[in-house]
Amino acid sequence: MEQVDVVVVGARLAGCAVAAPLARAGRRVVVLDRMRFPSDQLSTHVLLPAGTSELAKLGALPRILALKPSQVR
């Protein structure tokens, strides 16, 4: 049986934003999601300025921007 410190249910934006810093802090984290990846499920997530700054803190923003996502100005 595997033992972990944290179980995050849902691997979309919020779940990953919780799991990544916990794992970097040395916690044993498992993320569960019922969808298979890659997924063609539409998402209604909107990335607001505060979310952009959080992605920058996590070091993920350059990689996301490199994918050339649609942006609202």
Protein backbone atom coordinates (compact mmCIF):
# COMPACT_ATOMS: atom_id res chain seq x y z
CA MET A 1 0.00 0.00 0.00
CA GLU A 2 1.36 3.41 -0.96
CA GLN A 3 1.39 6.12 1.69
CA VAL A 4 1.11 9.78 0.76
CA ASP A 5 0.78 13.04 2.65
CA VAL A 6 -1.80 14.68 0.40
CA VAL A 7 -4.44 13.44 -2.04
CA VAL A 8 -5.69 16.07 -4.48
CA VAL A 9 -8.93 15.22 -6.27
CA GLY A 10 -9.09 16.91 -9.67
CA ALA A 11 -6.09 17.49 -11.92
CA ARG A 12 -7.18 20.62 -13.70
CA LEU A 13 -5.96 24.13 -13.00
CA ALA A 14 -6.82 24.34 -9.30
CA GLY A 15 -5.73 20.80 -8.47
CA CYS A 16 -2.37 21.21 -10.15
CA ALA A 17 -1.86 24.62 -8.55
CA VAL A 18 -2.30 22.95 -5.16
CA ALA A 19 -0.30 19.79 -5.88
CA ALA A 20 2.81 21.34 -7.44
CA PRO A 21 3.94 23.54 -4.54
CA LEU A 22 3.16 20.80 -2.02
CA ALA A 23 5.33 18.34 -3.95
CA ARG A 24 8.12 20.92 -4.25
CA ALA A 25 7.93 21.38 -0.48
CA GLY A 26 8.69 17.68 -0.04
CA ARG A 27 5.20 16.35 0.54
CA ARG A 28 4.23 13.05 -1.05
CA VAL A 29 1.32 14.02 -3.29
CA VAL A 30 -0.99 12.00 -5.49
CA VAL A 31 -3.44 13.69 -7.86
CA LEU A 32 -6.57 11.82 -8.94
CA ASP A 33 -8.80 12.69 -11.86
CA ARG A 34 -11.46 10.64 -13.57
CA MET A 35 -10.61 12.01 -17.04
CA ARG A 36 -7.93 10.40 -19.20
CA PHE A 37 -5.19 12.59 -20.55
CA PRO A 38 -4.87 14.09 -23.01
CA SER A 39 -8.50 15.11 -22.79
CA ASP A 40 -10.67 16.94 -25.28
CA GLN A 41 -12.99 18.11 -22.49
CA LEU A 42 -13.81 21.75 -22.87
CA SER A 43 -12.91 23.89 -19.93
CA THR A 44 -14.33 27.20 -18.84
CA HIS A 45 -11.23 28.22 -16.90
CA VAL A 46 -10.21 31.80 -17.30
CA LEU A 47 -6.74 32.86 -16.27
CA LEU A 48 -6.96 36.19 -14.46
CA PRO A 49 -3.95 38.41 -13.67
CA ALA A 50 -3.60 36.91 -10.19
CA GLY A 51 -3.53 33.43 -11.72
CA THR A 52 -0.89 34.51 -14.20
CA SER A 53 1.33 35.73 -11.38
CA GLU A 54 0.86 32.41 -9.54
CA LEU A 55 1.88 30.49 -12.66
CA ALA A 56 4.95 32.71 -12.89
CA LYS A 57 5.83 31.93 -9.24
CA LEU A 58 5.50 28.20 -10.01
CA GLY A 59 7.81 28.63 -13.01
CA ALA A 60 5.12 27.40 -15.41
CA LEU A 61 4.19 30.63 -17.19
CA PRO A 62 6.95 30.62 -19.86
CA ARG A 63 6.07 27.06 -20.88
CA ILE A 64 2.37 27.90 -21.07
CA LEU A 65 2.99 31.04 -23.13
CA ALA A 66 5.26 29.05 -25.46
CA LEU A 67 2.16 27.04 -26.42
CA LYS A 68 0.62 30.28 -27.73
CA PRO A 69 -2.71 30.05 -25.90
CA SER A 70 -5.60 32.32 -26.82
CA GLN A 71 -5.35 35.55 -24.88
CA VAL A 72 -7.88 38.19 -23.97
CA ARG A 73 -6.50 41.69 -23.73
